[in-house]
Every structure is written in structure tokens, then in C-alpha cells.
Amino acid sequence: MRIRLILFTISIVTVLALAACGGHSSRQKQDGPTATTDSDSSMTSTLYKQNCLSCHAADLSGKVGPNLKTIGSRLSKEEIAEKITKGTGGMPSFQKRLSAEDIDAIASWLADKK
């Protein structure tokens, strides 16, 4: 019984330590590479997964937030960037969580979804 308690405690501490390591916004990595180039679509995809996936789903089909599969046919890159920056309706503002370069990269990536 005591061994189970020790293992449980170690597991909880490990989970908490890992959770504390994750969730950093890209703003904290400003001196590293940004996702402003088309060749770095994996970085943009990572930004999407870290910041948008929970509401818009991995396949862009939407969950809580709207479907983004064809967002580029409805909104311009600038309009998308503004929605990401300022937020609208139920969508929060990402102005303080993401750098302008990261917002631009996500907006460009989404604007290509037609």
C-alpha cells in the first residue's frame, strides 16, 4: 500500500512538472525562429495546434468555434489577422499571447484555406 502511495505521488509530481513546462506562448520565444515564411508551415501548424485546435478542431471543422476549412474564401488575410488579434464574439484576443509575426503567419495560413 505504501509503495502505491509513493508511486502515485511521483506520478502526480511528474504530471505537474510536465504541465508547467508546456503551454508557453510563442511570444516567449521571440529570439527564436518565427513562422513568417511559407517554408515553415510546420511551425504555423504547431501555432495552430497550441492556440486554435481546442475550439476549431484539428481538421479545421470547428467545435466550439466555427469551421475554418474555407475561411480564406470568406475573409481576407487582414480580416483573419484582425479577428485573431482582437477577438470577436466568443473568440478571445490573442494580441497578448502571440507575437504580430505569429498572428500574421496563422492568418496567411488560414487565408490559403479556400
PDB file of N, CA and C in Angstrom:
ATOM      1  N   MET A   1       0.818  -1.189   0.000  1.00  0.00           N
ATOM      2  CA  MET A   1       0.000   0.000   0.000  1.00  0.00           C
ATOM      3  C   MET A   1       0.862   1.252   0.000  1.00  0.00           C
ATOM      4  N   ARG A   2       1.914   1.229   0.784  1.00  0.00           N
ATOM      5  CA  ARG A   2       2.806   2.383   0.873  1.00  0.00           C
ATOM      6  C   ARG A   2       3.515   2.627  -0.460  1.00  0.00           C
ATOM      7  N   ILE A   3       3.881   1.562  -1.153  1.00  0.00           N
ATOM      8  CA  ILE A   3       4.540   1.697  -2.458  1.00  0.00           C
ATOM      9  C   ILE A   3       3.587   2.341  -3.456  1.00  0.00           C
ATOM     10  N   ARG A   4       2.330   1.960  -3.416  1.00  0.00           N
ATOM     11  CA  ARG A   4       1.338   2.570  -4.308  1.00  0.00           C
ATOM     12  C   ARG A   4       1.209   4.066  -4.052  1.00  0.00           C
ATOM     13  N   LEU A   5       1.217   4.453  -2.807  1.00  0.00           N
ATOM     14  CA  LEU A   5       1.127   5.865  -2.448  1.00  0.00           C
ATOM     15  C   LEU A   5       2.344   6.629  -2.954  1.00  0.00           C
ATOM     16  N   ILE A   6       3.505   6.035  -2.812  1.00  0.00           N
ATOM     17  CA  ILE A   6       4.735   6.672  -3.307  1.00  0.00           C
ATOM     18  C   ILE A   6       4.689   6.799  -4.824  1.00  0.00           C
ATOM     19  N   LEU A   7       4.306   5.724  -5.511  1.00  0.00           N
ATOM     20  CA  LEU A   7       4.210   5.777  -6.977  1.00  0.00           C
ATOM     21  C   LEU A   7       3.169   6.798  -7.434  1.00  0.00           C
ATOM     22  N   PHE A   8       2.053   6.867  -6.733  1.00  0.00           N
ATOM     23  CA  PHE A   8       1.023   7.840  -7.067  1.00  0.00           C
ATOM     24  C   PHE A   8       1.549   9.258  -6.892  1.00  0.00           C
ATOM     25  N   THR A   9       2.256   9.505  -5.802  1.00  0.00           N
ATOM     26  CA  THR A   9       2.821  10.829  -5.539  1.00  0.00           C
ATOM     27  C   THR A   9       3.842  11.207  -6.608  1.00  0.00           C
ATOM     28  N   ILE A  10       4.700  10.277  -6.980  1.00  0.00           N
ATOM     29  CA  ILE A  10       5.695  10.527  -8.033  1.00  0.00           C
ATOM     30  C   ILE A  10       4.993  10.824  -9.356  1.00  0.00           C
ATOM     31  N   SER A  11       3.944  10.090  -9.654  1.00  0.00           N
ATOM     32  CA  SER A  11       3.196  10.315 -10.899  1.00  0.00           C
ATOM     33  C   SER A  11       2.584  11.709 -10.932  1.00  0.00           C
ATOM     34  N   ILE A  12       1.991  12.114  -9.836  1.00  0.00           N
ATOM     35  CA  ILE A  12       1.369  13.441  -9.762  1.00  0.00           C
ATOM     36  C   ILE A  12       2.413  14.533  -9.926  1.00  0.00           C
ATOM     37  N   VAL A  13       3.539  14.394  -9.248  1.00  0.00           N
ATOM     38  CA  VAL A  13       4.610  15.384  -9.345  1.00  0.00           C
ATOM     39  C   VAL A  13       5.131  15.463 -10.781  1.00  0.00           C
ATOM     40  N   THR A  14       5.290  14.319 -11.416  1.00  0.00           N
ATOM     41  CA  THR A  14       5.757  14.289 -12.805  1.00  0.00           C
ATOM     42  C   THR A  14       4.775  14.985 -13.735  1.00  0.00           C
ATOM     43  N   VAL A  15       3.499  14.699 -13.582  1.00  0.00           N
ATOM     44  CA  VAL A  15       2.473  15.329 -14.423  1.00  0.00           C
ATOM     45  C   VAL A  15       2.474  16.845 -14.220  1.00  0.00           C
ATOM     46  N   LEU A  16       2.553  17.271 -12.989  1.00  0.00           N
ATOM     47  CA  LEU A  16       2.573  18.707 -12.716  1.00  0.00           C
ATOM     48  C   LEU A  16       3.819  19.376 -13.282  1.00  0.00           C
ATOM     49  N   ALA A  17       4.949  18.705 -13.176  1.00  0.00           N
ATOM     50  CA  ALA A  17       6.190  19.264 -13.732  1.00  0.00           C
ATOM     51  C   ALA A  17       6.099  19.380 -15.245  1.00  0.00           C
ATOM     52  N   LEU A  18       5.563  18.370 -15.892  1.00  0.00           N
ATOM     53  CA  LEU A  18       5.411  18.421 -17.351  1.00  0.00           C
ATOM     54  C   LEU A  18       4.409  19.488 -17.770  1.00  0.00           C
ATOM     55  N   ALA A  19       3.348  19.635 -17.019  1.00  0.00           N
ATOM     56  CA  ALA A  19       2.354  20.660 -17.340  1.00  0.00           C
ATOM     57  C   ALA A  19       2.945  22.052 -17.190  1.00  0.00           C
ATOM     58  N   ALA A  20       3.800  22.235 -16.233  1.00  0.00           N
ATOM     59  CA  ALA A  20       4.431  23.541 -16.033  1.00  0.00           C
ATOM     60  C   ALA A  20       5.398  23.874 -17.155  1.00  0.00           C
ATOM     61  N   CYS A  21       5.958  22.860 -17.791  1.00  0.00           N
ATOM     62  CA  CYS A  21       6.903  23.088 -18.896  1.00  0.00           C
ATOM     63  C   CYS A  21       6.190  23.452 -20.181  1.00  0.00           C
ATOM     64  N   GLY A  22       4.981  23.005 -20.390  1.00  0.00           N
ATOM     65  CA  GLY A  22       4.259  23.251 -21.635  1.00  0.00           C
ATOM     66  C   GLY A  22       3.441  24.514 -21.568  1.00  0.00           C
ATOM     67  N   GLY A  23       2.781  24.832 -22.686  1.00  0.00           N
ATOM     68  CA  GLY A  23       1.859  25.948 -22.725  1.00  0.00           C
ATOM     69  C   GLY A  23       2.495  27.304 -22.870  1.00  0.00           C
ATOM     70  N   HIS A  24       3.769  27.366 -23.201  1.00  0.00           N
ATOM     71  CA  HIS A  24       4.402  28.660 -23.403  1.00  0.00           C
ATOM     72  C   HIS A  24       3.922  29.258 -24.713  1.00  0.00           C
ATOM     73  N   SER A  25       3.582  30.512 -24.699  1.00  0.00           N
ATOM     74  CA  SER A  25       3.202  31.164 -25.945  1.00  0.00           C
ATOM     75  C   SER A  25       4.446  31.432 -26.761  1.00  0.00           C
ATOM     76  N   SER A  26       4.281  31.589 -28.051  1.00  0.00           N
ATOM     77  CA  SER A  26       5.418  31.830 -28.925  1.00  0.00           C
ATOM     78  C   SER A  26       6.048  33.187 -28.640  1.00  0.00           C
ATOM     79  N   ARG A  27       5.328  34.080 -27.974  1.00  0.00           N
ATOM     80  CA  ARG A  27       5.876  35.382 -27.620  1.00  0.00           C
ATOM     81  C   ARG A  27       7.096  35.216 -26.721  1.00  0.00           C
ATOM     82  N   GLN A  28       7.135  34.169 -25.928  1.00  0.00           N
ATOM     83  CA  GLN A  28       8.250  33.936 -25.039  1.00  0.00           C
ATOM     84  C   GLN A  28       9.486  33.472 -25.807  1.00  0.00           C
ATOM     85  N   LYS A  29       9.327  33.132 -27.066  1.00  0.00           N
ATOM     86  CA  LYS A  29      10.427  32.651 -27.879  1.00  0.00           C
ATOM     87  C   LYS A  29      10.771  33.664 -28.974  1.00  0.00           C
ATOM     88  N   GLN A  30      10.694  34.930 -28.682  1.00  0.00           N
ATOM     89  CA  GLN A  30      10.875  35.946 -29.704  1.00  0.00           C
ATOM     90  C   GLN A  30      12.242  35.913 -30.349  1.00  0.00           C
ATOM     91  N   ASP A  31      13.281  35.493 -29.630  1.00  0.00           N
ATOM     92  CA  ASP A  31      14.587  35.481 -30.238  1.00  0.00           C
ATOM     93  C   ASP A  31      14.813  34.218 -31.060  1.00  0.00           C
ATOM     94  N   GLY A  32      13.864  33.315 -31.100  1.00  0.00           N
ATOM     95  CA  GLY A  32      13.956  32.117 -31.921  1.00  0.00           C
ATOM     96  C   GLY A  32      13.283  32.347 -33.261  1.00  0.00           C
ATOM     97  N   PRO A  33      13.202  31.314 -34.090  1.00  0.00           N
ATOM     98  CA  PRO A  33      12.585  31.466 -35.399  1.00  0.00           C
ATOM     99  C   PRO A  33      11.091  31.720 -35.290  1.00  0.00           C
ATOM    100  N   THR A  34      10.565  32.536 -36.188  1.00  0.00           N
ATOM    101  CA  THR A  34       9.126  32.782 -36.217  1.00  0.00           C
ATOM    102  C   THR A  34       8.536  32.088 -37.431  1.00  0.00           C
ATOM    103  N   ALA A  35       7.231  32.043 -37.458  1.00  0.00           N
ATOM    104  CA  ALA A  35       6.538  31.315 -38.515  1.00  0.00           C
ATOM    105  C   ALA A  35       6.111  32.245 -39.635  1.00  0.00           C
ATOM    106  N   THR A  36       6.985  33.107 -40.097  1.00  0.00           N
ATOM    107  CA  THR A  36       6.591  34.083 -41.090  1.00  0.00           C
ATOM    108  C   THR A  36       6.867  33.626 -42.518  1.00  0.00           C
ATOM    109  N   THR A  37       7.535  32.522 -42.711  1.00  0.00           N
ATOM    110  CA  THR A  37       7.831  32.074 -44.060  1.00  0.00           C
ATOM    111  C   THR A  37       6.933  30.912 -44.432  1.00  0.00           C
ATOM    112  N   ASP A  38       6.660  30.789 -45.733  1.00  0.00           N
ATOM    113  CA  ASP A  38       5.841  29.686 -46.212  1.00  0.00           C
ATOM    114  C   ASP A  38       6.536  28.352 -45.996  1.00  0.00           C
ATOM    115  N   SER A  39       7.852  28.350 -46.051  1.00  0.00           N
ATOM    116  CA  SER A  39       8.595  27.105 -45.896  1.00  0.00           C
ATOM    117  C   SER A  39       8.512  26.555 -44.482  1.00  0.00           C
ATOM    118  N   ASP A  40       8.067  27.352 -43.544  1.00  0.00           N
ATOM    119  CA  ASP A  40       7.979  26.913 -42.162  1.00  0.00           C
ATOM    120  C   ASP A  40       6.541  26.631 -41.778  1.00  0.00           C
ATOM    121  N   SER A  41       5.813  25.923 -42.637  1.00  0.00           N
ATOM    122  CA  SER A  41       4.403  25.651 -42.363  1.00  0.00           C
ATOM    123  C   SER A  41       4.223  24.744 -41.151  1.00  0.00           C
ATOM    124  N   SER A  42       5.231  23.949 -40.825  1.00  0.00           N
ATOM    125  CA  SER A  42       5.104  23.109 -39.638  1.00  0.00           C
ATOM    126  C   SER A  42       5.064  23.959 -38.378  1.00  0.00           C
ATOM    127  N   MET A  43       5.800  25.078 -38.366  1.00  0.00           N
ATOM    128  CA  MET A  43       5.750  25.989 -37.216  1.00  0.00           C
ATOM    129  C   MET A  43       4.366  26.623 -37.116  1.00  0.00           C
ATOM    130  N   THR A  44       3.811  27.001 -38.252  1.00  0.00           N
ATOM    131  CA  THR A  44       2.468  27.578 -38.268  1.00  0.00           C
ATOM    132  C   THR A  44       1.452  26.539 -37.815  1.00  0.00           C
ATOM    133  N   SER A  45       1.625  25.325 -38.263  1.00  0.00           N
ATOM    134  CA  SER A  45       0.731  24.246 -37.845  1.00  0.00           C
ATOM    135  C   SER A  45       0.827  24.030 -36.337  1.00  0.00           C
ATOM    136  N   THR A  46       2.029  24.119 -35.801  1.00  0.00           N
ATOM    137  CA  THR A  46       2.228  23.992 -34.361  1.00  0.00           C
ATOM    138  C   THR A  46       1.539  25.131 -33.624  1.00  0.00           C
ATOM    139  N   LEU A  47       1.668  26.356 -34.142  1.00  0.00           N
ATOM    140  CA  LEU A  47       0.985  27.503 -33.530  1.00  0.00           C
ATOM    141  C   LEU A  47      -0.523  27.269 -33.506  1.00  0.00           C
ATOM    142  N   TYR A  48      -1.056  26.761 -34.625  1.00  0.00           N
ATOM    143  CA  TYR A  48      -2.488  26.470 -34.701  1.00  0.00           C
ATOM    144  C   TYR A  48      -2.866  25.444 -33.633  1.00  0.00           C
ATOM    145  N   LYS A  49      -2.092  24.377 -33.551  1.00  0.00           N
ATOM    146  CA  LYS A  49      -2.403  23.321 -32.588  1.00  0.00           C
ATOM    147  C   LYS A  49      -2.352  23.834 -31.152  1.00  0.00           C
ATOM    148  N   GLN A  50      -1.403  24.699 -30.847  1.00  0.00           N
ATOM    149  CA  GLN A  50      -1.253  25.209 -29.490  1.00  0.00           C
ATOM    150  C   GLN A  50      -2.326  26.226 -29.118  1.00  0.00           C
ATOM    151  N   ASN A  51      -2.843  26.960 -30.096  1.00  0.00           N
ATOM    152  CA  ASN A  51      -3.710  28.089 -29.777  1.00  0.00           C
ATOM    153  C   ASN A  51      -5.135  27.996 -30.313  1.00  0.00           C
ATOM    154  N   CYS A  52      -5.370  27.211 -31.347  1.00  0.00           N
ATOM    155  CA  CYS A  52      -6.666  27.244 -32.026  1.00  0.00           C
ATOM    156  C   CYS A  52      -7.409  25.905 -32.023  1.00  0.00           C
ATOM    157  N   LEU A  53      -6.669  24.828 -31.932  1.00  0.00           N
ATOM    158  CA  LEU A  53      -7.228  23.490 -32.090  1.00  0.00           C
ATOM    159  C   LEU A  53      -8.369  23.194 -31.123  1.00  0.00           C
ATOM    160  N   SER A  54      -8.275  23.648 -29.907  1.00  0.00           N
ATOM    161  CA  SER A  54      -9.299  23.302 -28.918  1.00  0.00           C
ATOM    162  C   SER A  54     -10.683  23.819 -29.302  1.00  0.00           C
ATOM    163  N   CYS A  55     -10.753  24.898 -30.051  1.00  0.00           N
ATOM    164  CA  CYS A  55     -12.056  25.433 -30.467  1.00  0.00           C
ATOM    165  C   CYS A  55     -12.395  25.137 -31.931  1.00  0.00           C
ATOM    166  N   HIS A  56     -11.366  24.972 -32.765  1.00  0.00           N
ATOM    167  CA  HIS A  56     -11.616  24.830 -34.204  1.00  0.00           C
ATOM    168  C   HIS A  56     -11.284  23.447 -34.755  1.00  0.00           C
ATOM    169  N   ALA A  57     -10.863  22.514 -33.924  1.00  0.00           N
ATOM    170  CA  ALA A  57     -10.578  21.115 -34.270  1.00  0.00           C
ATOM    171  C   ALA A  57      -9.318  20.967 -35.127  1.00  0.00           C
ATOM    172  N   ALA A  58      -8.738  19.790 -35.072  1.00  0.00           N
ATOM    173  CA  ALA A  58      -7.501  19.503 -35.803  1.00  0.00           C
ATOM    174  C   ALA A  58      -7.694  19.621 -37.311  1.00  0.00           C
ATOM    175  N   ASP A  59      -8.881  19.264 -37.780  1.00  0.00           N
ATOM    176  CA  ASP A  59      -9.150  19.313 -39.217  1.00  0.00           C
ATOM    177  C   ASP A  59      -9.853  20.600 -39.646  1.00  0.00           C
ATOM    178  N   LEU A  60      -9.872  21.604 -38.773  1.00  0.00           N
ATOM    179  CA  LEU A  60     -10.478  22.917 -39.029  1.00  0.00           C
ATOM    180  C   LEU A  60     -12.008  22.879 -39.119  1.00  0.00           C
ATOM    181  N   SER A  61     -12.615  21.744 -38.773  1.00  0.00           N
ATOM    182  CA  SER A  61     -14.060  21.601 -38.939  1.00  0.00           C
ATOM    183  C   SER A  61     -14.879  22.359 -37.901  1.00  0.00           C
ATOM    184  N   GLY A  62     -14.241  22.809 -36.845  1.00  0.00           N
ATOM    185  CA  GLY A  62     -14.946  23.560 -35.813  1.00  0.00           C
ATOM    186  C   GLY A  62     -15.480  22.667 -34.720  1.00  0.00           C
ATOM    187  N   LYS A  63     -15.436  23.173 -33.525  1.00  0.00           N
ATOM    188  CA  LYS A  63     -16.032  22.523 -32.352  1.00  0.00           C
ATOM    189  C   LYS A  63     -16.886  23.594 -31.698  1.00  0.00           C
ATOM    190  N   VAL A  64     -16.284  24.309 -30.775  1.00  0.00           N
ATOM    191  CA  VAL A  64     -16.937  25.451 -30.148  1.00  0.00           C
ATOM    192  C   VAL A  64     -16.918  26.618 -31.132  1.00  0.00           C
ATOM    193  N   GLY A  65     -15.777  26.785 -31.797  1.00  0.00           N
ATOM    194  CA  GLY A  65     -15.612  27.844 -32.790  1.00  0.00           C
ATOM    195  C   GLY A  65     -16.082  27.387 -34.160  1.00  0.00           C
ATOM    196  N   PRO A  66     -16.155  28.312 -35.106  1.00  0.00           N
ATOM    197  CA  PRO A  66     -16.659  27.979 -36.440  1.00  0.00           C
ATOM    198  C   PRO A  66     -15.680  27.149 -37.269  1.00  0.00           C
ATOM    199  N   ASN A  67     -16.211  26.552 -38.311  1.00  0.00           N
ATOM    200  CA  ASN A  67     -15.438  25.797 -39.290  1.00  0.00           C
ATOM    201  C   ASN A  67     -14.496  26.759 -40.020  1.00  0.00           C
ATOM    202  N   LEU A  68     -13.218  26.380 -40.141  1.00  0.00           N
ATOM    203  CA  LEU A  68     -12.235  27.230 -40.812  1.00  0.00           C
ATOM    204  C   LEU A  68     -11.721  26.627 -42.117  1.00  0.00           C
ATOM    205  N   LYS A  69     -12.334  25.539 -42.570  1.00  0.00           N
ATOM    206  CA  LYS A  69     -11.836  24.849 -43.762  1.00  0.00           C
ATOM    207  C   LYS A  69     -11.813  25.744 -44.997  1.00  0.00           C
ATOM    208  N   THR A  70     -12.747  26.676 -45.098  1.00  0.00           N
ATOM    209  CA  THR A  70     -12.804  27.564 -46.272  1.00  0.00           C
ATOM    210  C   THR A  70     -12.791  29.033 -45.851  1.00  0.00           C
ATOM    211  N   ILE A  71     -12.175  29.327 -44.737  1.00  0.00           N
ATOM    212  CA  ILE A  71     -12.172  30.696 -44.208  1.00  0.00           C
ATOM    213  C   ILE A  71     -11.548  31.689 -45.182  1.00  0.00           C
ATOM    214  N   GLY A  72     -10.567  31.252 -45.969  1.00  0.00           N
ATOM    215  CA  GLY A  72      -9.908  32.133 -46.928  1.00  0.00           C
ATOM    216  C   GLY A  72     -10.808  32.587 -48.061  1.00  0.00           C
ATOM    217  N   SER A  73     -11.889  31.861 -48.321  1.00  0.00           N
ATOM    218  CA  SER A  73     -12.833  32.285 -49.353  1.00  0.00           C
ATOM    219  C   SER A  73     -13.835  33.301 -48.812  1.00  0.00           C
ATOM    220  N   ARG A  74     -13.903  33.439 -47.481  1.00  0.00           N
ATOM    221  CA  ARG A  74     -14.843  34.375 -46.864  1.00  0.00           C
ATOM    222  C   ARG A  74     -14.169  35.633 -46.319  1.00  0.00           C
ATOM    223  N   LEU A  75     -12.938  35.477 -45.844  1.00  0.00           N
ATOM    224  CA  LEU A  75     -12.238  36.600 -45.232  1.00  0.00           C
ATOM    225  C   LEU A  75     -10.838  36.752 -45.828  1.00  0.00           C
ATOM    226  N   SER A  76     -10.373  37.986 -45.893  1.00  0.00           N
ATOM    227  CA  SER A  76      -9.010  38.252 -46.358  1.00  0.00           C
ATOM    228  C   SER A  76      -8.024  37.939 -45.235  1.00  0.00           C
ATOM    229  N   LYS A  77      -6.764  37.877 -45.578  1.00  0.00           N
ATOM    230  CA  LYS A  77      -5.714  37.650 -44.587  1.00  0.00           C
ATOM    231  C   LYS A  77      -5.776  38.722 -43.502  1.00  0.00           C
ATOM    232  N   GLU A  78      -5.992  39.961 -43.903  1.00  0.00           N
ATOM    233  CA  GLU A  78      -6.046  41.071 -42.950  1.00  0.00           C
ATOM    234  C   GLU A  78      -7.224  40.930 -41.997  1.00  0.00           C
ATOM    235  N   GLU A  79      -8.378  40.515 -42.524  1.00  0.00           N
ATOM    236  CA  GLU A  79      -9.565  40.330 -41.685  1.00  0.00           C
ATOM    237  C   GLU A  79      -9.361  39.184 -40.691  1.00  0.00           C
ATOM    238  N   ILE A  80      -8.720  38.120 -41.157  1.00  0.00           N
ATOM    239  CA  ILE A  80      -8.428  36.994 -40.275  1.00  0.00           C
ATOM    240  C   ILE A  80      -7.471  37.432 -39.175  1.00  0.00           C
ATOM    241  N   ALA A  81      -6.426  38.161 -39.550  1.00  0.00           N
ATOM    242  CA  ALA A  81      -5.447  38.644 -38.569  1.00  0.00           C
ATOM    243  C   ALA A  81      -6.112  39.541 -37.531  1.00  0.00           C
ATOM    244  N   GLU A  82      -7.035  40.369 -37.967  1.00  0.00           N
ATOM    245  CA  GLU A  82      -7.737  41.252 -37.035  1.00  0.00           C
ATOM    246  C   GLU A  82      -8.576  40.459 -36.044  1.00  0.00           C
ATOM    247  N   LYS A  83      -9.263  39.407 -36.530  1.00  0.00           N
ATOM    248  CA  LYS A  83     -10.071  38.565 -35.638  1.00  0.00           C
ATOM    249  C   LYS A  83      -9.187  37.845 -34.622  1.00  0.00           C
ATOM    250  N   ILE A  84      -8.022  37.369 -35.073  1.00  0.00           N
ATOM    251  CA  ILE A  84      -7.101  36.699 -34.155  1.00  0.00           C
ATOM    252  C   ILE A  84      -6.571  37.698 -33.133  1.00  0.00           C
ATOM    253  N   THR A  85      -6.204  38.876 -33.602  1.00  0.00           N
ATOM    254  CA  THR A  85      -5.611  39.886 -32.729  1.00  0.00           C
ATOM    255  C   THR A  85      -6.609  40.404 -31.704  1.00  0.00           C
ATOM    256  N   LYS A  86      -7.771  40.826 -32.162  1.00  0.00           N
ATOM    257  CA  LYS A  86      -8.740  41.490 -31.279  1.00  0.00           C
ATOM    258  C   LYS A  86      -9.782  40.558 -30.688  1.00  0.00           C
ATOM    259  N   GLY A  87     -10.018  39.424 -31.333  1.00  0.00           N
ATOM    260  CA  GLY A  87     -11.076  38.533 -30.903  1.00  0.00           C
ATOM    261  C   GLY A  87     -12.435  39.063 -31.346  1.00  0.00           C
ATOM    262  N   THR A  88     -13.419  38.205 -31.406  1.00  0.00           N
ATOM    263  CA  THR A  88     -14.790  38.609 -31.745  1.00  0.00           C
ATOM    264  C   THR A  88     -15.757  37.621 -31.120  1.00  0.00           C
ATOM    265  N   GLY A  89     -16.885  38.108 -30.685  1.00  0.00           N
ATOM    266  CA  GLY A  89     -17.888  37.211 -30.101  1.00  0.00           C
ATOM    267  C   GLY A  89     -17.291  36.354 -29.005  1.00  0.00           C
ATOM    268  N   GLY A  90     -17.332  35.040 -29.196  1.00  0.00           N
ATOM    269  CA  GLY A  90     -16.790  34.112 -28.214  1.00  0.00           C
ATOM    270  C   GLY A  90     -15.301  33.868 -28.348  1.00  0.00           C
ATOM    271  N   MET A  91     -14.689  34.410 -29.404  1.00  0.00           N
ATOM    272  CA  MET A  91     -13.253  34.187 -29.613  1.00  0.00           C
ATOM    273  C   MET A  91     -12.439  35.199 -28.810  1.00  0.00           C
ATOM    274  N   PRO A  92     -11.476  34.703 -28.047  1.00  0.00           N
ATOM    275  CA  PRO A  92     -10.646  35.628 -27.265  1.00  0.00           C
ATOM    276  C   PRO A  92      -9.606  36.332 -28.130  1.00  0.00           C
ATOM    277  N   SER A  93      -9.092  37.420 -27.638  1.00  0.00           N
ATOM    278  CA  SER A  93      -8.000  38.135 -28.291  1.00  0.00           C
ATOM    279  C   SER A  93      -6.692  37.379 -28.043  1.00  0.00           C
ATOM    280  N   PHE A  94      -5.859  37.297 -29.072  1.00  0.00           N
ATOM    281  CA  PHE A  94      -4.551  36.654 -28.937  1.00  0.00           C
ATOM    282  C   PHE A  94      -3.430  37.683 -29.004  1.00  0.00           C
ATOM    283  N   GLN A  95      -3.769  38.943 -28.913  1.00  0.00           N
ATOM    284  CA  GLN A  95      -2.803  40.028 -29.015  1.00  0.00           C
ATOM    285  C   GLN A  95      -1.699  39.929 -27.971  1.00  0.00           C
ATOM    286  N   LYS A  96      -2.036  39.485 -26.781  1.00  0.00           N
ATOM    287  CA  LYS A  96      -1.040  39.386 -25.716  1.00  0.00           C
ATOM    288  C   LYS A  96      -0.400  38.003 -25.638  1.00  0.00           C
ATOM    289  N   ARG A  97      -0.982  37.030 -26.321  1.00  0.00           N
ATOM    290  CA  ARG A  97      -0.454  35.662 -26.273  1.00  0.00           C
ATOM    291  C   ARG A  97       0.480  35.341 -27.427  1.00  0.00           C
ATOM    292  N   LEU A  98       0.262  35.985 -28.576  1.00  0.00           N
ATOM    293  CA  LEU A  98       1.059  35.702 -29.772  1.00  0.00           C
ATOM    294  C   LEU A  98       1.731  36.967 -30.268  1.00  0.00           C
ATOM    295  N   SER A  99       2.883  36.810 -30.874  1.00  0.00           N
ATOM    296  CA  SER A  99       3.561  37.960 -31.485  1.00  0.00           C
ATOM    297  C   SER A  99       2.826  38.345 -32.764  1.00  0.00           C
ATOM    298  N   ALA A 100       3.059  39.546 -33.246  1.00  0.00           N
ATOM    299  CA  ALA A 100       2.447  40.005 -34.503  1.00  0.00           C
ATOM    300  C   ALA A 100       2.864  39.098 -35.656  1.00  0.00           C
ATOM    301  N   GLU A 101       4.111  38.622 -35.622  1.00  0.00           N
ATOM    302  CA  GLU A 101       4.601  37.731 -36.680  1.00  0.00           C
ATOM    303  C   GLU A 101       3.857  36.394 -36.660  1.00  0.00           C
ATOM    304  N   ASP A 102       3.600  35.868 -35.463  1.00  0.00           N
ATOM    305  CA  ASP A 102       2.875  34.606 -35.358  1.00  0.00           C
ATOM    306  C   ASP A 102       1.424  34.760 -35.809  1.00  0.00           C
ATOM    307  N   ILE A 103       0.802  35.865 -35.442  1.00  0.00           N
ATOM    308  CA  ILE A 103      -0.574  36.127 -35.891  1.00  0.00           C
ATOM    309  C   ILE A 103      -0.608  36.237 -37.405  1.00  0.00           C
ATOM    310  N   ASP A 104       0.361  36.930 -37.983  1.00  0.00           N
ATOM    311  CA  ASP A 104       0.444  37.069 -39.437  1.00  0.00           C
ATOM    312  C   ASP A 104       0.625  35.708 -40.103  1.00  0.00           C
ATOM    313  N   ALA A 105       1.458  34.861 -39.525  1.00  0.00           N
ATOM    314  CA  ALA A 105       1.686  33.528 -40.097  1.00  0.00           C
ATOM    315  C   ALA A 105       0.419  32.685 -40.076  1.00  0.00           C
ATOM    316  N   ILE A 106      -0.293  32.685 -38.951  1.00  0.00           N
ATOM    317  CA  ILE A 106      -1.543  31.926 -38.863  1.00  0.00           C
ATOM    318  C   ILE A 106      -2.576  32.499 -39.821  1.00  0.00           C
ATOM    319  N   ALA A 107      -2.679  33.825 -39.898  1.00  0.00           N
ATOM    320  CA  ALA A 107      -3.642  34.451 -40.806  1.00  0.00           C
ATOM    321  C   ALA A 107      -3.320  34.104 -42.259  1.00  0.00           C
ATOM    322  N   SER A 108      -2.056  34.117 -42.635  1.00  0.00           N
ATOM    323  CA  SER A 108      -1.668  33.739 -44.011  1.00  0.00           C
ATOM    324  C   SER A 108      -2.031  32.289 -44.287  1.00  0.00           C
ATOM    325  N   TRP A 109      -1.732  31.425 -43.338  1.00  0.00           N
ATOM    326  CA  TRP A 109      -2.013  30.005 -43.479  1.00  0.00           C
ATOM    327  C   TRP A 109      -3.518  29.760 -43.634  1.00  0.00           C
ATOM    328  N   LEU A 110      -4.314  30.443 -42.811  1.00  0.00           N
ATOM    329  CA  LEU A 110      -5.761  30.289 -42.901  1.00  0.00           C
ATOM    330  C   LEU A 110      -6.340  30.922 -44.155  1.00  0.00           C
ATOM    331  N   ALA A 111      -5.747  32.030 -44.595  1.00  0.00           N
ATOM    332  CA  ALA A 111      -6.245  32.702 -45.812  1.00  0.00           C
ATOM    333  C   ALA A 111      -6.090  31.806 -47.039  1.00  0.00           C
ATOM    334  N   ASP A 112      -5.161  30.873 -47.000  1.00  0.00           N
ATOM    335  CA  ASP A 112      -4.976  29.919 -48.105  1.00  0.00           C
ATOM    336  C   ASP A 112      -6.022  28.826 -48.116  1.00  0.00           C
ATOM    337  N   LYS A 113      -6.812  28.709 -47.074  1.00  0.00           N
ATOM    338  CA  LYS A 113      -7.866  27.684 -46.979  1.00  0.00           C
ATOM    339  C   LYS A 113      -9.096  28.193 -47.716  1.00  0.00           C
ATOM    340  N   LYS A 114      -9.269  27.732 -48.931  1.00  0.00           N
ATOM    341  CA  LYS A 114     -10.368  28.218 -49.761  1.00  0.00           C
ATOM    342  C   LYS A 114     -11.314  27.119 -50.157  1.00  0.00           C
TER     343      LYS A 114
END
